[in-house]
């Protein structure tokens, strides 16, 4: 694994974990404040929800990197290696195109909310800050699909036909 890939993986892991832990910690704090001390806050529910959404969206690329996404391979395994490679190539290209769509529309969303001046109800934080996770996560996801596409391109499917194909499953 290259230094760049290790650094990218570290950023993925740390960012998604940090947002999840902080978001869940805030939710726990809110429960304690509300039910133990009868002193609920107004800003924690909104902030914690946003942090957990950030964690999930940033964690998408971690799931792809570690092959934790659901794949249905009932028909895939019936095909010969050449067809599997073609399916994998097609699936990864389709996913890259989706990521481009996702990043583009995420940028449109961020710019629209920036121009409109929308803010959240409780914290009054500009919405564009919250929405920046959409293009960021799309870029991170796209990097992982490009990595998979390159791996599929370089893999000799004839040599690996008898081996476990988990690393080569399509994105579908």
N, C-alpha and C. Protein backbone atom coordinates (compact mmCIF):
# COMPACT_ATOMS: atom_id res chain seq x y z
N UNK A 1 0.85 -1.17 0.00
CA UNK A 1 0.00 0.00 0.00
C UNK A 1 0.90 1.24 0.00
N UNK A 2 0.59 2.18 -0.90
CA UNK A 2 1.42 3.37 -1.02
C UNK A 2 1.17 4.32 0.15
N UNK A 3 2.10 5.27 0.30
CA UNK A 3 1.97 6.26 1.37
C UNK A 3 0.69 7.08 1.19
N UNK A 4 0.41 7.44 -0.06
CA UNK A 4 -0.79 8.23 -0.34
C UNK A 4 -2.04 7.46 0.04
N UNK A 5 -2.08 6.18 -0.32
CA UNK A 5 -3.24 5.34 0.00
C UNK A 5 -3.38 5.17 1.51
N UNK A 6 -2.26 4.99 2.20
CA UNK A 6 -2.31 4.87 3.67
C UNK A 6 -2.84 6.16 4.30
N UNK A 7 -2.38 7.29 3.78
CA UNK A 7 -2.82 8.58 4.32
C UNK A 7 -4.31 8.78 4.04
N UNK A 8 -4.75 8.45 2.83
CA UNK A 8 -6.16 8.58 2.48
C UNK A 8 -7.02 7.67 3.36
N UNK A 9 -6.56 6.44 3.59
CA UNK A 9 -7.28 5.50 4.46
C UNK A 9 -7.35 6.03 5.88
N UNK A 10 -6.26 6.61 6.35
CA UNK A 10 -6.25 7.18 7.70
C UNK A 10 -7.25 8.33 7.81
N UNK A 11 -7.28 9.19 6.81
CA UNK A 11 -8.23 10.30 6.80
C UNK A 11 -9.66 9.78 6.81
N UNK A 12 -9.93 8.75 5.99
CA UNK A 12 -11.27 8.14 5.97
C UNK A 12 -11.66 7.60 7.34
N UNK A 13 -10.76 6.82 7.91
CA UNK A 13 -11.04 6.17 9.19
C UNK A 13 -11.23 7.18 10.31
N UNK A 14 -10.31 8.12 10.41
CA UNK A 14 -10.35 9.09 11.51
C UNK A 14 -11.56 10.01 11.37
N UNK A 15 -11.82 10.50 10.17
CA UNK A 15 -12.93 11.44 10.01
C UNK A 15 -14.27 10.78 10.29
N UNK A 16 -14.51 9.60 9.71
CA UNK A 16 -15.81 8.96 9.94
C UNK A 16 -15.96 8.54 11.40
N UNK A 17 -14.91 8.04 12.00
CA UNK A 17 -14.97 7.65 13.42
C UNK A 17 -15.18 8.86 14.32
N UNK A 18 -14.44 9.92 14.07
CA UNK A 18 -14.55 11.12 14.89
C UNK A 18 -15.96 11.70 14.86
N UNK A 19 -16.51 11.84 13.66
CA UNK A 19 -17.86 12.39 13.55
C UNK A 19 -18.89 11.49 14.23
N UNK A 20 -18.73 10.18 14.09
CA UNK A 20 -19.67 9.25 14.72
C UNK A 20 -19.58 9.31 16.24
N UNK A 21 -18.37 9.26 16.76
CA UNK A 21 -18.19 9.27 18.22
C UNK A 21 -18.68 10.58 18.83
N UNK A 22 -18.35 11.69 18.21
CA UNK A 22 -18.80 12.98 18.74
C UNK A 22 -20.32 13.09 18.65
N UNK A 23 -20.89 12.67 17.51
CA UNK A 23 -22.35 12.73 17.35
C UNK A 23 -23.07 11.87 18.37
N UNK A 24 -22.61 10.64 18.55
CA UNK A 24 -23.24 9.75 19.53
C UNK A 24 -23.00 10.25 20.96
N UNK A 25 -21.82 10.82 21.20
CA UNK A 25 -21.55 11.39 22.53
C UNK A 25 -22.48 12.54 22.84
N UNK A 26 -22.75 13.39 21.85
CA UNK A 26 -23.70 14.49 22.07
C UNK A 26 -25.11 13.97 22.31
N UNK A 27 -25.48 12.92 21.58
CA UNK A 27 -26.81 12.33 21.82
C UNK A 27 -26.92 11.78 23.23
N UNK A 28 -25.87 11.12 23.70
CA UNK A 28 -25.86 10.59 25.06
C UNK A 28 -25.96 11.73 26.08
N UNK A 29 -25.20 12.79 25.84
CA UNK A 29 -25.24 13.96 26.71
C UNK A 29 -26.65 14.54 26.77
N UNK A 30 -27.31 14.61 25.63
CA UNK A 30 -28.67 15.15 25.57
C UNK A 30 -29.64 14.28 26.36
N UNK A 31 -29.51 12.97 26.25
CA UNK A 31 -30.38 12.07 27.00
C UNK A 31 -30.19 12.27 28.51
N UNK A 32 -28.94 12.36 28.93
CA UNK A 32 -28.66 12.57 30.35
C UNK A 32 -29.23 13.92 30.81
N UNK A 33 -29.00 14.95 30.03
CA UNK A 33 -29.49 16.28 30.41
C UNK A 33 -31.02 16.31 30.46
N UNK A 34 -31.65 15.66 29.51
CA UNK A 34 -33.12 15.70 29.43
C UNK A 34 -33.77 14.86 30.52
N UNK A 35 -33.31 13.63 30.70
CA UNK A 35 -34.02 12.72 31.59
C UNK A 35 -33.45 12.63 33.00
N UNK A 36 -32.21 12.96 33.18
CA UNK A 36 -31.63 12.92 34.53
C UNK A 36 -31.73 14.29 35.19
N UNK A 37 -31.35 15.32 34.46
CA UNK A 37 -31.32 16.66 35.04
C UNK A 37 -32.52 17.53 34.63
N UNK A 38 -33.41 16.99 33.82
CA UNK A 38 -34.59 17.71 33.34
C UNK A 38 -34.23 19.09 32.79
N UNK A 39 -33.15 19.13 32.01
CA UNK A 39 -32.66 20.38 31.44
C UNK A 39 -32.24 20.15 29.99
N UNK A 40 -33.20 19.94 29.08
CA UNK A 40 -32.84 19.65 27.69
C UNK A 40 -32.20 20.86 27.00
N UNK A 41 -31.39 20.56 26.02
CA UNK A 41 -30.75 21.62 25.23
C UNK A 41 -31.51 21.78 23.92
N UNK A 42 -31.28 22.88 23.26
CA UNK A 42 -31.98 23.12 21.99
C UNK A 42 -31.10 22.81 20.78
N UNK A 43 -29.83 22.79 20.96
CA UNK A 43 -28.93 22.69 19.81
C UNK A 43 -28.35 21.30 19.58
N UNK A 44 -28.39 20.42 20.58
CA UNK A 44 -27.68 19.15 20.47
C UNK A 44 -28.33 18.19 19.47
N UNK A 45 -29.65 18.09 19.45
CA UNK A 45 -30.29 17.15 18.52
C UNK A 45 -29.91 17.46 17.08
N UNK A 46 -29.97 18.72 16.73
CA UNK A 46 -29.63 19.13 15.37
C UNK A 46 -28.15 18.85 15.06
N UNK A 47 -27.30 19.25 15.94
CA UNK A 47 -25.85 19.08 15.73
C UNK A 47 -25.46 17.61 15.70
N UNK A 48 -25.97 16.83 16.63
CA UNK A 48 -25.64 15.41 16.68
C UNK A 48 -26.13 14.68 15.42
N UNK A 49 -27.31 15.03 14.96
CA UNK A 49 -27.84 14.40 13.74
C UNK A 49 -26.95 14.70 12.55
N UNK A 50 -26.53 15.94 12.43
CA UNK A 50 -25.66 16.33 11.31
C UNK A 50 -24.32 15.59 11.41
N UNK A 51 -23.76 15.48 12.59
CA UNK A 51 -22.48 14.79 12.76
C UNK A 51 -22.59 13.30 12.40
N UNK A 52 -23.68 12.67 12.77
CA UNK A 52 -23.87 11.26 12.43
C UNK A 52 -24.06 11.10 10.91
N UNK A 53 -24.78 12.01 10.28
CA UNK A 53 -24.92 11.96 8.82
C UNK A 53 -23.55 12.12 8.16
N UNK A 54 -22.75 13.04 8.64
CA UNK A 54 -21.39 13.20 8.12
C UNK A 54 -20.61 11.90 8.29
N UNK A 55 -20.71 11.27 9.44
CA UNK A 55 -19.99 10.01 9.69
C UNK A 55 -20.41 8.94 8.69
N UNK A 56 -21.70 8.84 8.44
CA UNK A 56 -22.20 7.82 7.51
C UNK A 56 -21.71 8.11 6.10
N UNK A 57 -21.85 9.35 5.65
CA UNK A 57 -21.43 9.67 4.28
C UNK A 57 -19.92 9.54 4.09
N UNK A 58 -19.15 9.91 5.09
CA UNK A 58 -17.70 9.75 4.98
C UNK A 58 -17.31 8.28 5.10
N UNK A 59 -18.12 7.50 5.79
CA UNK A 59 -17.84 6.08 5.96
C UNK A 59 -18.17 5.23 4.75
N UNK A 60 -18.87 5.79 3.77
CA UNK A 60 -19.18 5.02 2.56
C UNK A 60 -17.91 4.50 1.87
N UNK A 61 -16.93 5.37 1.76
CA UNK A 61 -15.70 4.94 1.09
C UNK A 61 -14.94 3.92 1.91
N UNK A 62 -15.07 3.97 3.24
CA UNK A 62 -14.44 2.96 4.09
C UNK A 62 -15.08 1.60 3.83
N UNK A 63 -16.40 1.59 3.73
CA UNK A 63 -17.11 0.34 3.44
C UNK A 63 -16.72 -0.23 2.10
N UNK A 64 -16.55 0.62 1.10
CA UNK A 64 -16.14 0.15 -0.22
C UNK A 64 -14.70 -0.36 -0.18
N UNK A 65 -13.84 0.38 0.49
CA UNK A 65 -12.44 -0.03 0.60
C UNK A 65 -12.30 -1.41 1.23
N UNK A 66 -13.10 -1.67 2.25
CA UNK A 66 -13.00 -2.92 3.00
C UNK A 66 -13.99 -3.99 2.54
N UNK A 67 -14.65 -3.76 1.40
CA UNK A 67 -15.63 -4.70 0.83
C UNK A 67 -16.75 -5.04 1.81
N UNK A 68 -17.30 -4.04 2.45
CA UNK A 68 -18.40 -4.26 3.39
C UNK A 68 -19.76 -3.90 2.82
N UNK A 69 -19.80 -3.51 1.55
CA UNK A 69 -21.08 -3.21 0.94
C UNK A 69 -21.75 -4.50 0.49
N UNK A 70 -23.06 -4.48 0.44
CA UNK A 70 -23.82 -5.64 0.02
C UNK A 70 -23.61 -5.87 -1.47
N UNK A 71 -23.37 -7.11 -1.84
CA UNK A 71 -23.29 -7.46 -3.25
C UNK A 71 -24.11 -8.72 -3.48
N UNK A 72 -24.81 -8.72 -4.58
CA UNK A 72 -25.62 -9.87 -4.95
C UNK A 72 -24.90 -10.56 -6.10
N UNK A 73 -24.41 -11.75 -5.83
CA UNK A 73 -23.59 -12.42 -6.84
C UNK A 73 -24.17 -13.76 -7.30
N UNK A 74 -25.48 -13.93 -7.17
CA UNK A 74 -26.09 -15.21 -7.51
C UNK A 74 -25.87 -15.55 -8.98
N UNK A 75 -25.94 -14.57 -9.86
CA UNK A 75 -25.70 -14.82 -11.28
C UNK A 75 -24.25 -14.57 -11.66
N UNK A 76 -23.63 -13.64 -10.97
CA UNK A 76 -22.25 -13.25 -11.25
C UNK A 76 -21.31 -14.46 -11.23
N UNK A 77 -21.46 -15.32 -10.25
CA UNK A 77 -20.56 -16.47 -10.10
C UNK A 77 -20.78 -17.51 -11.19
N UNK A 78 -21.89 -17.45 -11.89
CA UNK A 78 -22.17 -18.40 -12.96
C UNK A 78 -21.46 -18.06 -14.26
N UNK A 79 -21.04 -16.79 -14.39
CA UNK A 79 -20.41 -16.34 -15.63
C UNK A 79 -18.94 -16.76 -15.69
N UNK A 80 -18.41 -16.92 -16.90
CA UNK A 80 -16.98 -17.19 -17.04
C UNK A 80 -16.17 -15.94 -16.65
N UNK A 81 -14.88 -16.14 -16.37
CA UNK A 81 -14.03 -15.03 -15.90
C UNK A 81 -14.04 -13.80 -16.81
N UNK A 82 -14.06 -13.98 -18.11
CA UNK A 82 -14.03 -12.82 -19.02
C UNK A 82 -15.28 -11.96 -18.85
N UNK A 83 -16.42 -12.61 -18.68
CA UNK A 83 -17.66 -11.87 -18.50
C UNK A 83 -17.67 -11.19 -17.14
N UNK A 84 -17.13 -11.86 -16.12
CA UNK A 84 -17.05 -11.23 -14.79
C UNK A 84 -16.23 -9.95 -14.85
N UNK A 85 -15.12 -10.01 -15.56
CA UNK A 85 -14.28 -8.82 -15.67
C UNK A 85 -15.04 -7.70 -16.37
N UNK A 86 -15.77 -8.03 -17.42
CA UNK A 86 -16.55 -7.02 -18.14
C UNK A 86 -17.64 -6.43 -17.23
N UNK A 87 -18.28 -7.28 -16.45
CA UNK A 87 -19.31 -6.81 -15.51
C UNK A 87 -18.68 -5.89 -14.47
N UNK A 88 -17.53 -6.29 -13.94
CA UNK A 88 -16.84 -5.46 -12.95
C UNK A 88 -16.42 -4.12 -13.53
N UNK A 89 -15.91 -4.14 -14.75
CA UNK A 89 -15.51 -2.89 -15.40
C UNK A 89 -16.73 -1.98 -15.57
N UNK A 90 -17.81 -2.55 -16.11
CA UNK A 90 -19.02 -1.77 -16.33
C UNK A 90 -19.55 -1.20 -15.00
N UNK A 91 -19.63 -2.05 -13.99
CA UNK A 91 -20.18 -1.62 -12.70
C UNK A 91 -19.36 -0.49 -12.09
N UNK A 92 -18.05 -0.61 -12.14
CA UNK A 92 -17.20 0.43 -11.56
C UNK A 92 -17.27 1.73 -12.35
N UNK A 93 -17.33 1.65 -13.68
CA UNK A 93 -17.49 2.85 -14.49
C UNK A 93 -18.84 3.51 -14.20
N UNK A 94 -19.90 2.70 -14.10
CA UNK A 94 -21.23 3.25 -13.77
C UNK A 94 -21.20 3.94 -12.41
N UNK A 95 -20.52 3.35 -11.46
CA UNK A 95 -20.43 3.95 -10.12
C UNK A 95 -19.60 5.22 -10.13
N UNK A 96 -18.56 5.26 -10.93
CA UNK A 96 -17.77 6.48 -11.05
C UNK A 96 -18.62 7.60 -11.66
N UNK A 97 -19.42 7.25 -12.67
CA UNK A 97 -20.31 8.25 -13.27
C UNK A 97 -21.34 8.74 -12.26
N UNK A 98 -21.86 7.84 -11.44
CA UNK A 98 -22.78 8.25 -10.38
C UNK A 98 -22.08 9.20 -9.41
N UNK A 99 -20.84 8.89 -9.05
CA UNK A 99 -20.10 9.75 -8.12
C UNK A 99 -19.88 11.14 -8.72
N UNK A 100 -19.62 11.20 -10.01
CA UNK A 100 -19.47 12.50 -10.67
C UNK A 100 -20.78 13.29 -10.56
N UNK A 101 -21.90 12.61 -10.83
CA UNK A 101 -23.22 13.22 -10.68
C UNK A 101 -23.44 13.69 -9.25
N UNK A 102 -23.08 12.85 -8.29
CA UNK A 102 -23.24 13.14 -6.86
C UNK A 102 -22.41 14.35 -6.46
N UNK A 103 -21.15 14.39 -6.89
CA UNK A 103 -20.26 15.51 -6.55
C UNK A 103 -20.76 16.80 -7.19
N UNK A 104 -21.13 16.72 -8.46
CA UNK A 104 -21.61 17.92 -9.17
C UNK A 104 -22.84 18.49 -8.48
N UNK A 105 -23.83 17.64 -8.24
CA UNK A 105 -25.06 18.12 -7.61
C UNK A 105 -24.84 18.51 -6.15
N UNK A 106 -23.88 17.90 -5.48
CA UNK A 106 -23.51 18.32 -4.14
C UNK A 106 -22.93 19.73 -4.16
N UNK A 107 -22.11 20.02 -5.15
CA UNK A 107 -21.55 21.37 -5.29
C UNK A 107 -22.65 22.38 -5.60
N UNK A 108 -23.59 21.99 -6.46
CA UNK A 108 -24.73 22.87 -6.77
C UNK A 108 -25.52 23.15 -5.50
N UNK A 109 -25.75 22.12 -4.69
CA UNK A 109 -26.48 22.29 -3.43
C UNK A 109 -25.74 23.24 -2.48
N UNK A 110 -24.44 23.04 -2.35
CA UNK A 110 -23.64 23.90 -1.47
C UNK A 110 -23.69 25.35 -1.96
N UNK A 111 -23.50 25.55 -3.26
CA UNK A 111 -23.52 26.92 -3.79
C UNK A 111 -24.89 27.57 -3.66
N UNK A 112 -25.94 26.79 -3.88
CA UNK A 112 -27.30 27.32 -3.75
C UNK A 112 -27.58 27.77 -2.31
N UNK A 113 -27.21 26.94 -1.35
CA UNK A 113 -27.46 27.31 0.05
C UNK A 113 -26.53 28.44 0.49
N UNK A 114 -25.35 28.50 -0.08
CA UNK A 114 -24.45 29.62 0.23
C UNK A 114 -25.04 30.93 -0.28
N UNK A 115 -25.53 30.92 -1.52
CA UNK A 115 -26.11 32.12 -2.11
C UNK A 115 -27.41 32.53 -1.42
N UNK A 116 -28.20 31.55 -0.99
CA UNK A 116 -29.50 31.87 -0.38
C UNK A 116 -29.37 32.30 1.08
N UNK A 117 -28.23 31.98 1.69
CA UNK A 117 -28.02 32.39 3.08
C UNK A 117 -28.80 31.56 4.10
N UNK A 118 -29.22 30.36 3.71
CA UNK A 118 -29.99 29.52 4.63
C UNK A 118 -29.15 29.15 5.85
N UNK A 119 -29.81 29.18 7.01
CA UNK A 119 -29.17 28.79 8.26
C UNK A 119 -30.06 27.77 8.96
N UNK A 120 -29.49 27.03 9.90
CA UNK A 120 -30.27 26.05 10.65
C UNK A 120 -31.13 26.77 11.68
N UNK A 121 -32.18 26.09 12.11
CA UNK A 121 -33.13 26.74 13.04
C UNK A 121 -32.55 26.95 14.42
N UNK A 122 -31.89 25.94 14.96
CA UNK A 122 -31.44 26.02 16.35
C UNK A 122 -30.09 26.69 16.52
N UNK A 123 -29.13 26.33 15.70
CA UNK A 123 -27.77 26.83 15.90
C UNK A 123 -27.44 28.04 15.04
N UNK A 124 -28.26 28.29 14.03
CA UNK A 124 -28.05 29.42 13.10
C UNK A 124 -26.75 29.27 12.31
N UNK A 125 -26.26 28.05 12.18
CA UNK A 125 -25.07 27.78 11.37
C UNK A 125 -25.50 27.73 9.91
N UNK A 126 -24.74 28.33 9.00
CA UNK A 126 -25.10 28.29 7.58
C UNK A 126 -25.22 26.84 7.07
N UNK A 127 -26.29 26.57 6.34
CA UNK A 127 -26.55 25.22 5.85
C UNK A 127 -25.47 24.73 4.89
N UNK A 128 -24.82 25.63 4.17
CA UNK A 128 -23.82 25.19 3.21
C UNK A 128 -22.68 24.44 3.91
N UNK A 129 -22.42 24.80 5.16
CA UNK A 129 -21.36 24.10 5.91
C UNK A 129 -21.76 22.65 6.12
N UNK A 130 -23.01 22.44 6.47
CA UNK A 130 -23.49 21.06 6.67
C UNK A 130 -23.50 20.27 5.36
N UNK A 131 -23.84 20.93 4.27
CA UNK A 131 -23.97 20.25 2.98
C UNK A 131 -22.64 19.95 2.30
N UNK A 132 -21.56 20.52 2.76
CA UNK A 132 -20.27 20.27 2.11
C UNK A 132 -19.86 18.81 2.17
N UNK A 133 -20.45 18.04 3.05
CA UNK A 133 -20.13 16.61 3.13
C UNK A 133 -20.56 15.87 1.86
N UNK A 134 -21.56 16.38 1.17
CA UNK A 134 -22.05 15.67 -0.02
C UNK A 134 -20.97 15.59 -1.10
N UNK A 135 -20.40 16.71 -1.56
CA UNK A 135 -19.35 16.56 -2.57
C UNK A 135 -18.07 15.92 -2.01
N UNK A 136 -17.77 16.16 -0.74
CA UNK A 136 -16.56 15.55 -0.16
C UNK A 136 -16.69 14.03 -0.13
N UNK A 137 -17.83 13.54 0.34
CA UNK A 137 -18.01 12.08 0.40
C UNK A 137 -18.09 11.50 -1.00
N UNK A 138 -18.68 12.22 -1.93
CA UNK A 138 -18.73 11.75 -3.31
C UNK A 138 -17.34 11.61 -3.91
N UNK A 139 -16.47 12.57 -3.62
CA UNK A 139 -15.08 12.48 -4.10
C UNK A 139 -14.34 11.30 -3.47
N UNK A 140 -14.55 11.12 -2.18
CA UNK A 140 -13.88 10.01 -1.50
C UNK A 140 -14.37 8.67 -2.04
N UNK A 141 -15.66 8.58 -2.27
CA UNK A 141 -16.25 7.36 -2.82
C UNK A 141 -15.72 7.12 -4.24
N UNK A 142 -15.61 8.20 -5.03
CA UNK A 142 -15.12 8.08 -6.41
C UNK A 142 -13.66 7.61 -6.44
N UNK A 143 -12.86 8.09 -5.52
CA UNK A 143 -11.46 7.64 -5.44
C UNK A 143 -11.41 6.13 -5.25
N UNK A 144 -12.26 5.61 -4.38
CA UNK A 144 -12.27 4.16 -4.13
C UNK A 144 -12.78 3.38 -5.34
N UNK A 145 -13.75 3.93 -6.07
CA UNK A 145 -14.21 3.23 -7.28
C UNK A 145 -13.15 3.26 -8.37
N UNK A 146 -12.43 4.35 -8.48
CA UNK A 146 -11.33 4.41 -9.46
C UNK A 146 -10.26 3.40 -9.09
N UNK A 147 -9.96 3.31 -7.81
CA UNK A 147 -9.00 2.32 -7.33
C UNK A 147 -9.46 0.90 -7.68
N UNK A 148 -10.74 0.62 -7.48
CA UNK A 148 -11.29 -0.71 -7.82
C UNK A 148 -11.23 -0.96 -9.32
N UNK A 149 -11.53 0.08 -10.11
CA UNK A 149 -11.49 -0.06 -11.57
C UNK A 149 -10.08 -0.40 -12.03
N UNK A 150 -9.10 0.26 -11.48
CA UNK A 150 -7.70 -0.02 -11.83
C UNK A 150 -7.33 -1.44 -11.42
N UNK A 151 -7.77 -1.85 -10.25
CA UNK A 151 -7.49 -3.21 -9.77
C UNK A 151 -8.12 -4.25 -10.70
N UNK A 152 -9.36 -4.01 -11.11
CA UNK A 152 -10.04 -4.94 -12.03
C UNK A 152 -9.30 -4.97 -13.36
N UNK A 153 -8.90 -3.81 -13.84
CA UNK A 153 -8.19 -3.72 -15.13
C UNK A 153 -6.91 -4.54 -15.11
N UNK A 154 -6.19 -4.49 -13.99
CA UNK A 154 -4.91 -5.17 -13.89
C UNK A 154 -5.03 -6.65 -13.53
N UNK A 155 -6.19 -7.09 -13.06
CA UNK A 155 -6.35 -8.47 -12.59
C UNK A 155 -6.53 -9.42 -13.76
N UNK A 156 -5.83 -10.52 -13.69
CA UNK A 156 -6.00 -11.59 -14.68
C UNK A 156 -7.08 -12.53 -14.14
N UNK A 157 -8.27 -12.42 -14.68
CA UNK A 157 -9.39 -13.19 -14.18
C UNK A 157 -9.26 -14.68 -14.48
N UNK A 158 -8.46 -15.05 -15.47
CA UNK A 158 -8.25 -16.48 -15.75
C UNK A 158 -7.46 -17.11 -14.61
N UNK A 159 -6.47 -16.40 -14.12
CA UNK A 159 -5.63 -16.91 -13.05
C UNK A 159 -6.40 -17.02 -11.74
N UNK A 160 -7.34 -16.10 -11.52
CA UNK A 160 -8.06 -16.07 -10.24
C UNK A 160 -9.41 -16.78 -10.31
N UNK A 161 -9.72 -17.44 -11.41
CA UNK A 161 -11.05 -18.03 -11.58
C UNK A 161 -11.38 -19.05 -10.50
N UNK A 162 -10.42 -19.81 -10.04
CA UNK A 162 -10.68 -20.82 -9.02
C UNK A 162 -10.60 -20.29 -7.61
N UNK A 163 -10.10 -19.07 -7.45
CA UNK A 163 -9.94 -18.49 -6.12
C UNK A 163 -11.22 -17.78 -5.68
N UNK A 164 -11.24 -17.37 -4.45
CA UNK A 164 -12.36 -16.60 -3.94
C UNK A 164 -12.38 -15.26 -4.66
N UNK A 165 -13.50 -14.89 -5.23
CA UNK A 165 -13.58 -13.68 -6.05
C UNK A 165 -14.08 -12.47 -5.27
N UNK A 166 -14.07 -12.52 -3.95
CA UNK A 166 -14.60 -11.41 -3.16
C UNK A 166 -13.95 -10.07 -3.50
N UNK A 167 -12.68 -10.08 -3.80
CA UNK A 167 -12.02 -8.83 -4.13
C UNK A 167 -12.44 -8.28 -5.48
N UNK A 168 -13.03 -9.13 -6.30
CA UNK A 168 -13.34 -8.72 -7.66
C UNK A 168 -14.81 -8.52 -7.91
N UNK A 169 -15.64 -8.62 -6.88
CA UNK A 169 -17.05 -8.47 -7.10
C UNK A 169 -17.37 -7.09 -7.66
N UNK A 170 -18.38 -7.09 -8.48
CA UNK A 170 -18.80 -5.83 -9.08
C UNK A 170 -19.39 -4.93 -8.00
N UNK A 171 -19.62 -3.69 -8.38
CA UNK A 171 -20.20 -2.73 -7.45
C UNK A 171 -21.70 -2.91 -7.32
N UNK A 172 -22.30 -3.73 -8.18
CA UNK A 172 -23.75 -3.92 -8.11
C UNK A 172 -24.13 -4.95 -7.12
